[in-house]
Amino acid sequence: MGKGDGRGRLTSPPDVDDTGAHVLHVDMDAFYPSVEILDNPSLRGKPIIIGSTEGRSVVSSASYEARVYGVRSAMPVSQALRLCPKAIVVPPHFARYSELSRQVMAVFHEVTPLVEPLSIDEAFLDVSGSRRLWGRPREIAQMLRARVHERTGLTCSVGAAATKHVAKMASTLSKPDGLLVVSAASTADFLSPLSVRNLWGVGPKSADVLEARGIRVVADVLTTPIEVLQRALGVSMGERVWQLARGIDTRTVQTERVEKSVGHEETFEVDVTDPDALRAELRRLADRVGVRLRRHEWSAQTVSIKIRFADFTTVTRGLTLAEPSNVSQRLGDVALDLFAQLHRGQPVRLVGVRAENLRPASVQGGGLWDDDAEWRRVDGALDGAATRFGVGAITRAALLGGRKSGSSLPSHPRPDADFS
């Protein structure tokens, strides 16, 4: 869910210059709430929160009417309701969202084969080869918006530019239900007055670092030596910000998505203080990650964990493996080792395990023996049982049993995280 609430919206006139703006970023407007409104029109115009009022549910998405009160995704629903007491909490219907997402993506593929889905509700399109059939980029964007609405009843916003970065920025600024075109020649003028927080990949912490040095808008980046940016943000990030501020983005629209990571996390209903319960949950999440990796025939070079304490302090730790692995036992062992290094004895609100730096499972080391051979056989048996009887039909004995003192096992598991 984007952070924009629709205020300060920018759109282009019908006859805007679109020279060189062959990359489109199409983003559905408040997708989950919009689907719920489509199926229940009585919700139209009201502040809507997609989530649950039970336990410690977090906001999956929110309508623009709720966002103006400061409601954001991943925020606890309880906090969202304090900000917007009149909001209507609607439980998510993920199967319905996926159904409409497929319809939207089908519209994109009718226009160009060069479609790069980013998530369930957004994608990049390269329309440079579609002009003869469909017209200029602005005409294609207008047609896409009309066709999506005609087929699904939903609205989308489109940014058109010479690069993916600028196209994404443009679509965000045009929301909701807008079109913003940035020609190649006008890229510098478009970027200069924008906040550094608008740059793709610049998070709150990086933005704070830049603003503390008086670098508040993109124009300030342009007058800052790259060495200063690299000292402030690190070599790689500093160079990236320097390039993006100048409209430099060599990435092309990729029709085959390269998976980067897969992970699962769990928010507890009650803060957990029992280390054994936390270790058991990390092991369970690592098992789920392992199943996902093997199902998609990936191995992970890096394993990381995420721990959020009761005061909302969040820490992450990761370890790069000597050899990539998708063995659940190996992933869990690494997760527990990382946890042992950082556990502070504070109550824990959330734990997560993520596999990163993925590569095809066939790419393994050339050792003479396999230390994980026995565990691979165990994984194979468990995967077979899961396929035949369902996930969870067979589990570790350590994960069975009732609650231990001071702990609370997960009661509201979140949907499986997608590859991201």
Protein backbone atom coordinates (compact mmCIF):
# COMPACT_ATOMS: atom_id res chain seq x y z
CA MET A 1 0.00 0.00 0.00
CA GLY A 2 1.37 3.36 -0.97
CA LYS A 3 1.72 6.09 1.61
CA GLY A 4 -0.08 8.68 -0.49
CA ASP A 5 -3.55 9.73 0.51
CA GLY A 6 -4.46 11.47 -2.73
CA ARG A 7 -3.68 15.02 -1.62
CA GLY A 8 -1.38 17.02 -3.90
CA ARG A 9 -2.27 14.80 -6.84
CA LEU A 10 -0.58 15.65 -10.17
CA THR A 11 -1.94 14.70 -13.61
CA SER A 12 -1.11 15.50 -17.22
CA PRO A 13 -3.31 17.18 -19.85
CA PRO A 14 -4.50 14.98 -22.76
CA ASP A 15 -2.02 16.56 -25.20
CA VAL A 16 1.07 16.28 -22.96
CA ASP A 17 4.42 15.69 -24.67
CA ASP A 18 5.28 11.99 -24.23
CA THR A 19 8.45 11.82 -26.30
CA GLY A 20 10.65 9.04 -24.97
CA ALA A 21 8.15 8.04 -22.24
CA HIS A 22 7.91 4.41 -23.30
CA VAL A 23 7.98 2.86 -19.80
CA LEU A 24 4.65 2.71 -17.97
CA HIS A 25 4.16 1.96 -14.29
CA VAL A 26 0.56 0.91 -13.67
CA ASP A 27 -0.60 0.80 -10.05
CA MET A 28 -4.10 -0.13 -8.91
CA ASP A 29 -5.69 2.41 -6.58
CA ALA A 30 -6.09 1.15 -2.98
CA PHE A 31 -6.52 -2.29 -4.51
CA TYR A 32 -7.81 -4.36 -1.58
CA PRO A 33 -10.31 -1.73 -0.34
CA SER A 34 -11.41 -1.03 -3.92
CA VAL A 35 -12.21 -4.71 -4.45
CA GLU A 36 -14.23 -4.75 -1.23
CA ILE A 37 -16.15 -1.66 -2.38
CA LEU A 38 -16.75 -3.29 -5.74
CA ASP A 39 -18.36 -6.25 -3.98
CA ASN A 40 -20.13 -4.11 -1.35
CA PRO A 41 -20.98 -0.65 -2.76
CA SER A 42 -22.30 0.52 0.64
CA LEU A 43 -18.64 0.93 1.67
CA ARG A 44 -17.98 3.60 -0.98
CA GLY A 45 -16.71 6.89 0.40
CA LYS A 46 -16.06 5.47 3.87
CA PRO A 47 -12.74 4.92 5.67
CA ILE A 48 -11.92 1.23 5.29
CA ILE A 49 -9.19 -0.83 6.93
CA ILE A 50 -8.39 -4.29 5.56
CA GLY A 51 -7.45 -6.45 8.52
CA SER A 52 -8.93 -7.93 11.68
CA THR A 53 -9.94 -6.51 15.05
CA GLU A 54 -8.79 -9.68 16.79
CA GLY A 55 -5.46 -10.06 18.52
CA ARG A 56 -2.63 -8.10 16.97
CA SER A 57 -3.72 -7.94 13.39
CA VAL A 58 -1.97 -5.40 11.21
CA VAL A 59 -3.37 -3.26 8.42
CA SER A 60 -3.06 -4.99 5.05
CA SER A 61 -4.36 -1.92 3.21
CA ALA A 62 -6.60 1.09 3.71
CA SER A 63 -8.85 3.29 1.60
CA TYR A 64 -7.82 6.85 0.82
CA GLU A 65 -10.48 8.06 3.25
CA ALA A 66 -8.60 6.24 6.04
CA ARG A 67 -5.14 7.24 4.84
CA VAL A 68 -5.82 10.93 5.37
CA TYR A 69 -5.93 10.13 9.10
CA GLY A 70 -2.45 8.61 8.94
CA VAL A 71 -3.46 4.96 8.59
CA ARG A 72 -0.70 2.97 6.87
CA SER A 73 -0.03 -0.64 5.92
CA ALA A 74 1.71 -2.87 8.51
CA MET A 75 0.37 -0.61 11.28
CA PRO A 76 -1.40 -2.45 14.12
CA VAL A 77 -5.15 -2.29 13.55
CA SER A 78 -5.59 -1.06 17.12
CA GLN A 79 -3.37 1.94 16.36
CA ALA A 80 -5.17 2.57 13.06
CA LEU A 81 -8.52 2.65 14.86
CA ARG A 82 -7.19 5.18 17.35
CA LEU A 83 -6.20 7.41 14.42
CA CYS A 84 -9.48 6.83 12.59
CA PRO A 85 -12.16 5.66 15.06
CA LYS A 86 -14.91 5.64 12.43
CA ALA A 87 -13.03 3.28 10.12
CA ILE A 88 -14.74 0.08 9.05
CA VAL A 89 -12.52 -3.00 9.48
CA VAL A 90 -13.07 -5.49 6.66
CA PRO A 91 -11.45 -8.95 6.68
CA PRO A 92 -9.27 -9.66 3.63
CA HIS A 93 -10.46 -11.90 0.80
CA PHE A 94 -7.19 -12.86 -0.87
CA ALA A 95 -8.68 -15.29 -3.37
CA ARG A 96 -10.88 -12.51 -4.72
CA TYR A 97 -7.93 -10.11 -4.93
CA SER A 98 -5.92 -12.70 -6.87
CA GLU A 99 -8.81 -13.28 -9.27
CA LEU A 100 -9.06 -9.58 -10.16
CA SER A 101 -5.28 -9.26 -10.33
CA ARG A 102 -5.22 -11.93 -13.05
CA GLN A 103 -7.84 -10.00 -15.01
CA VAL A 104 -5.82 -6.78 -14.74
CA MET A 105 -2.56 -8.46 -15.79
CA ALA A 106 -4.39 -10.00 -18.77
CA VAL A 107 -5.28 -6.48 -19.93
CA PHE A 108 -1.62 -5.48 -19.73
CA HIS A 109 -0.57 -8.45 -21.87
CA GLU A 110 -3.12 -7.47 -24.52
CA VAL A 111 -1.15 -4.27 -25.06
CA THR A 112 2.46 -5.50 -24.87
CA PRO A 113 4.30 -8.74 -24.14
CA LEU A 114 6.84 -6.74 -22.12
CA VAL A 115 5.13 -6.82 -18.71
CA GLU A 116 7.02 -7.02 -15.41
CA PRO A 117 4.65 -7.65 -12.47
CA LEU A 118 5.94 -6.15 -9.22
CA SER A 119 3.15 -7.36 -6.96
CA ILE A 120 -0.50 -8.34 -7.08
CA ASP A 121 -1.55 -4.80 -8.03
CA GLU A 122 1.25 -3.14 -9.99
CA ALA A 123 3.48 -3.72 -13.00
CA PHE A 124 5.92 -2.10 -15.42
CA LEU A 125 5.15 -2.16 -19.14
CA ASP A 126 7.47 -1.33 -22.03
CA VAL A 127 5.29 -0.01 -24.87
CA SER A 128 8.07 1.06 -27.21
CA GLY A 129 7.10 -1.69 -29.65
CA SER A 130 3.35 -1.07 -29.42
CA ARG A 131 3.09 2.37 -31.02
CA ARG A 132 2.19 1.15 -34.49
CA LEU A 133 -0.73 -0.84 -33.11
CA TRP A 134 -1.95 1.30 -30.21
CA GLY A 135 -0.53 4.80 -30.65
CA ARG A 136 1.68 7.05 -28.55
CA PRO A 137 2.58 6.19 -24.91
CA ARG A 138 0.03 8.65 -23.49
CA GLU A 139 -2.68 7.14 -25.69
CA ILE A 140 -1.73 3.63 -24.61
CA ALA A 141 -1.83 4.69 -20.96
CA GLN A 142 -5.26 6.28 -21.39
CA MET A 143 -6.54 3.16 -23.15
CA LEU A 144 -5.16 0.90 -20.41
CA ARG A 145 -6.88 2.86 -17.67
CA ALA A 146 -10.19 2.78 -19.54
CA ARG A 147 -9.90 -0.93 -20.36
CA VAL A 148 -9.04 -1.93 -16.78
CA HIS A 149 -12.05 -0.02 -15.50
CA GLU A 150 -14.32 -1.49 -18.15
CA ARG A 151 -13.22 -5.08 -17.42
CA THR A 152 -13.01 -4.96 -13.63
CA GLY A 153 -14.78 -1.84 -12.37
CA LEU A 154 -11.52 -0.77 -10.69
CA THR A 155 -9.36 2.30 -11.28
CA CYS A 156 -5.62 2.51 -11.69
CA SER A 157 -2.99 5.22 -11.90
CA VAL A 158 -0.28 5.31 -14.55
CA GLY A 159 3.10 6.99 -14.72
CA ALA A 160 4.83 7.19 -18.11
CA ALA A 161 8.50 8.10 -18.40
CA ALA A 162 11.80 7.19 -20.01
CA THR A 163 12.91 5.05 -17.04
CA LYS A 164 11.34 2.71 -14.52
CA HIS A 165 12.31 4.90 -11.58
CA VAL A 166 10.67 8.06 -12.92
CA ALA A 167 7.60 6.13 -14.15
CA LYS A 168 7.03 4.75 -10.65
CA MET A 169 7.42 8.17 -9.08
CA ALA A 170 4.96 9.61 -11.60
CA SER A 171 2.29 6.99 -10.92
CA THR A 172 2.56 7.60 -7.18
CA LEU A 173 2.11 11.34 -7.61
CA SER A 174 -0.90 10.85 -9.90
CA LYS A 175 -2.90 8.70 -7.46
CA PRO A 176 -5.71 8.05 -7.31
CA ASP A 177 -7.13 7.45 -10.79
CA GLY A 178 -4.65 9.63 -12.62
CA LEU A 179 -2.10 9.73 -15.44
CA LEU A 180 1.18 11.62 -15.22
CA VAL A 181 3.52 11.66 -18.24
CA VAL A 182 7.15 12.78 -17.98
CA SER A 183 8.90 13.13 -21.32
CA ALA A 184 12.59 12.32 -21.55
CA ALA A 185 13.43 15.99 -22.04
CA SER A 186 11.44 17.12 -18.99
CA THR A 187 12.86 14.53 -16.57
CA ALA A 188 15.26 16.93 -14.85
CA ASP A 189 12.58 19.60 -14.36
CA PHE A 190 10.22 16.96 -12.97
CA LEU A 191 12.72 15.58 -10.46
CA SER A 192 14.41 18.74 -9.16
CA PRO A 193 11.68 20.07 -6.81
CA LEU A 194 10.72 16.66 -5.38
CA SER A 195 11.67 15.58 -1.87
CA VAL A 196 14.53 13.11 -1.57
CA ARG A 197 11.94 10.89 0.12
CA ASN A 198 10.31 10.44 -3.28
CA LEU A 199 13.40 8.74 -4.71
CA TRP A 200 12.77 5.03 -5.16
CA GLY A 201 14.70 3.09 -2.53
CA VAL A 202 15.31 6.01 -0.18
CA GLY A 203 13.68 4.92 3.08
CA PRO A 204 12.95 7.02 6.16
CA LYS A 205 16.38 6.44 7.73
CA SER A 206 18.30 7.36 4.57
CA ALA A 207 16.07 10.40 4.10
CA ASP A 208 16.74 11.51 7.67
CA VAL A 209 20.50 11.21 7.07
CA LEU A 210 20.27 13.33 3.90
CA GLU A 211 17.99 15.96 5.42
CA ALA A 212 20.29 16.30 8.43
CA ARG A 213 22.93 17.43 5.94
CA GLY A 214 20.62 19.93 4.29
CA ILE A 215 19.87 17.67 1.33
CA ARG A 216 16.09 17.92 1.23
CA VAL A 217 15.06 17.94 -2.42
CA VAL A 218 16.49 16.34 -5.54
CA ALA A 219 17.97 19.67 -6.61
CA ASP A 220 20.12 19.54 -3.46
CA VAL A 221 21.42 16.12 -4.49
CA LEU A 222 22.50 17.54 -7.84
CA THR A 223 24.79 20.06 -6.12
CA THR A 224 26.23 17.53 -3.66
CA PRO A 225 29.48 15.74 -4.59
CA ILE A 226 29.04 12.00 -4.93
CA GLU A 227 31.74 11.46 -2.29
CA VAL A 228 29.59 13.25 0.28
CA LEU A 229 26.60 11.08 -0.57
CA GLN A 230 28.72 7.94 -0.31
CA ARG A 231 30.07 8.93 3.10
CA ALA A 232 26.54 9.57 4.33
CA LEU A 233 24.76 6.56 2.80
CA GLY A 234 27.49 4.10 1.93
CA VAL A 235 29.26 3.67 -1.40
CA SER A 236 26.55 1.72 -3.23
CA MET A 237 23.52 3.66 -1.97
CA GLY A 238 25.27 7.01 -2.38
CA GLU A 239 26.06 6.27 -6.01
CA ARG A 240 22.50 5.08 -6.63
CA VAL A 241 20.97 8.28 -5.21
CA TRP A 242 23.41 10.36 -7.27
CA GLN A 243 22.29 8.54 -10.43
CA LEU A 244 18.54 8.54 -9.72
CA ALA A 245 18.59 12.28 -9.04
CA ARG A 246 19.91 12.70 -12.57
CA GLY A 247 17.30 10.43 -14.09
CA ILE A 248 19.84 7.67 -14.71
CA ASP A 249 18.26 4.21 -14.48
CA THR A 250 19.52 1.54 -16.88
CA ARG A 251 17.11 -1.17 -15.73
CA THR A 252 14.84 -2.53 -18.42
CA VAL A 253 11.41 -4.14 -18.09
CA GLN A 254 12.06 -7.80 -17.27
CA THR A 255 9.36 -10.27 -18.27
CA GLU A 256 10.98 -13.09 -16.28
CA ARG A 257 11.05 -12.16 -12.65
CA VAL A 258 14.17 -13.14 -10.75
CA GLU A 259 13.17 -14.25 -7.25
CA LYS A 260 15.18 -12.54 -4.53
CA SER A 261 13.90 -13.91 -1.25
CA VAL A 262 11.17 -15.83 0.51
CA GLY A 263 10.18 -15.50 4.12
CA HIS A 264 7.55 -15.97 6.78
CA GLU A 265 6.89 -14.03 9.94
CA GLU A 266 4.46 -14.23 12.84
CA THR A 267 3.02 -11.60 15.17
CA PHE A 268 2.12 -13.05 18.56
CA GLU A 269 -1.22 -12.31 20.18
CA VAL A 270 0.59 -11.72 23.49
CA ASP A 271 4.24 -10.72 23.90
CA VAL A 272 6.41 -13.83 24.35
CA THR A 273 9.08 -14.04 27.06
CA ASP A 274 9.87 -17.76 26.96
CA PRO A 275 13.05 -18.34 24.88
CA ASP A 276 12.04 -21.95 24.22
CA ALA A 277 8.74 -20.81 22.69
CA LEU A 278 10.57 -18.28 20.54
CA ARG A 279 13.07 -20.86 19.35
CA ALA A 280 10.25 -23.26 18.52
CA GLU A 281 8.50 -20.58 16.46
CA LEU A 282 11.70 -19.74 14.58
CA ARG A 283 12.15 -23.43 13.82
CA ARG A 284 8.55 -23.66 12.56
CA LEU A 285 9.00 -20.63 10.30
CA ALA A 286 12.30 -22.00 8.97
CA ASP A 287 10.53 -25.24 8.11
CA ARG A 288 7.90 -23.30 6.16
CA VAL A 289 10.60 -21.35 4.32
CA GLY A 290 12.35 -24.62 3.45
CA VAL A 291 9.15 -26.08 2.03
CA ARG A 292 8.64 -23.01 -0.16
CA LEU A 293 12.23 -23.11 -1.41
CA ARG A 294 12.06 -26.78 -2.34
CA ARG A 295 8.66 -26.39 -3.98
CA HIS A 296 10.07 -23.69 -6.27
CA GLU A 297 13.44 -25.45 -6.66
CA TRP A 298 15.51 -22.68 -5.07
CA SER A 299 18.33 -22.70 -2.55
CA ALA A 300 19.34 -19.81 -0.31
CA GLN A 301 22.82 -18.44 0.11
CA THR A 302 21.78 -16.22 3.04
CA VAL A 303 19.45 -16.76 6.01
CA SER A 304 18.15 -13.83 8.06
CA ILE A 305 15.84 -13.37 11.02
CA LYS A 306 13.68 -10.47 12.12
CA ILE A 307 12.79 -9.83 15.78
CA ARG A 308 10.41 -7.10 16.94
CA PHE A 309 10.37 -6.45 20.66
CA ALA A 310 7.44 -5.22 22.77
CA ASP A 311 8.62 -1.60 22.46
CA PHE A 312 8.48 -1.99 18.63
CA THR A 313 12.26 -1.96 18.33
CA THR A 314 13.01 -4.17 15.33
CA VAL A 315 16.33 -5.84 14.59
CA THR A 316 17.46 -8.10 11.78
CA ARG A 317 20.45 -10.37 11.53
CA GLY A 318 21.71 -12.46 8.62
CA LEU A 319 24.38 -15.01 7.79
CA THR A 320 25.78 -16.03 4.40
CA LEU A 321 26.16 -19.80 4.12
CA ALA A 322 29.28 -21.51 2.83
CA GLU A 323 27.03 -23.40 0.42
CA PRO A 324 23.44 -22.50 -0.65
CA SER A 325 20.82 -24.70 1.01
CA ASN A 326 17.09 -25.40 1.11
CA VAL A 327 17.34 -27.94 3.93
CA SER A 328 14.89 -26.96 6.67
CA GLN A 329 17.15 -28.20 9.47
CA ARG A 330 20.07 -26.15 8.16
CA LEU A 331 17.94 -23.00 7.79
CA GLY A 332 16.53 -23.46 11.28
CA ASP A 333 19.95 -24.02 12.84
CA VAL A 334 21.21 -20.75 11.34
CA ALA A 335 18.09 -18.89 12.47
CA LEU A 336 18.53 -20.14 16.05
CA ASP A 337 22.24 -19.23 16.06
CA LEU A 338 21.38 -15.70 14.93
CA PHE A 339 18.68 -15.45 17.58
CA ALA A 340 21.08 -16.57 20.32
CA GLN A 341 23.41 -13.70 19.41
CA LEU A 342 20.83 -10.97 19.85
CA HIS A 343 18.14 -12.10 22.30
CA ARG A 344 17.99 -9.42 25.03
CA GLY A 345 15.54 -11.06 27.38
CA GLN A 346 12.82 -8.56 26.43
CA PRO A 347 9.29 -9.65 25.51
CA VAL A 348 9.01 -10.34 21.78
CA ARG A 349 6.11 -9.23 19.61
CA LEU A 350 7.11 -10.66 16.21
CA VAL A 351 9.60 -13.11 14.74
CA GLY A 352 10.43 -13.86 11.13
CA VAL A 353 12.76 -16.00 9.02
CA ARG A 354 13.82 -15.15 5.47
CA ALA A 355 15.91 -16.93 2.84
CA GLU A 356 17.82 -14.54 0.56
CA ASN A 357 20.23 -14.51 -2.39
CA LEU A 358 18.35 -17.33 -4.06
CA ARG A 359 19.73 -19.51 -6.82
CA PRO A 360 18.52 -22.64 -8.62
CA ALA A 361 18.59 -25.65 -6.30
CA SER A 362 20.61 -27.59 -8.89
CA VAL A 363 23.54 -25.23 -8.26
CA GLN A 364 25.23 -26.94 -5.30
CA GLY A 365 28.78 -27.14 -4.11
CA GLY A 366 31.18 -29.75 -5.43
CA GLY A 367 31.99 -31.44 -2.13
CA LEU A 368 32.71 -35.16 -2.00
CA TRP A 369 29.98 -35.74 0.57
CA ASP A 370 26.76 -34.07 1.69
CA ASP A 371 26.57 -33.24 5.41
CA ASP A 372 22.82 -32.71 5.06
CA ALA A 373 22.05 -35.97 3.24
CA GLU A 374 20.02 -37.41 6.12
CA TRP A 375 18.05 -34.21 6.58
CA ARG A 376 17.36 -34.07 2.84
CA ARG A 377 15.73 -37.47 3.11
CA VAL A 378 13.64 -36.23 6.04
CA ASP A 379 12.61 -33.16 4.03
CA GLY A 380 11.64 -35.38 1.11
CA ALA A 381 9.41 -37.49 3.33
CA LEU A 382 7.81 -34.43 4.91
CA ASP A 383 7.25 -32.77 1.53
CA GLY A 384 5.62 -35.94 0.26
CA ALA A 385 3.33 -36.10 3.29
CA ALA A 386 2.43 -32.43 2.88
CA THR A 387 1.54 -32.98 -0.77
CA ARG A 388 -0.60 -35.99 0.06
CA PHE A 389 -2.20 -34.98 3.37
CA GLY A 390 -1.76 -31.21 3.54
CA VAL A 391 0.72 -28.84 5.17
CA GLY A 392 0.99 -29.49 8.89
CA ALA A 393 -0.12 -33.13 8.69
CA ILE A 394 3.32 -34.08 9.98
CA THR A 395 5.39 -31.75 12.13
CA ARG A 396 8.27 -31.75 14.59
CA ALA A 397 7.59 -33.16 18.03
CA ALA A 398 9.23 -30.05 19.50
CA LEU A 399 6.48 -27.93 17.99
CA LEU A 400 3.68 -29.90 19.63
CA GLY A 401 2.21 -29.33 23.06
CA GLY A 402 0.43 -26.63 24.96
CA ARG A 403 1.51 -23.14 25.86
CA LYS A 404 4.37 -22.61 28.19
CA SER A 405 4.34 -20.05 30.94
CA GLY A 406 4.78 -16.52 29.67
CA SER A 407 4.31 -17.40 26.03
CA SER A 408 1.59 -17.34 23.44
CA LEU A 409 1.66 -19.44 20.33
CA PRO A 410 0.55 -17.76 17.08
CA SER A 411 -3.22 -17.46 16.83
CA HIS A 412 -3.59 -15.30 13.73
CA PRO A 413 -1.13 -16.54 11.09
CA ARG A 414 -0.68 -14.13 8.21
CA PRO A 415 -1.02 -15.20 4.58
CA ASP A 416 2.06 -16.76 3.05
CA ALA A 417 4.52 -14.06 2.06
CA ASP A 418 5.18 -13.90 -1.66
CA PHE A 419 8.63 -13.96 -3.17
CA SER A 420 9.87 -10.37 -3.16
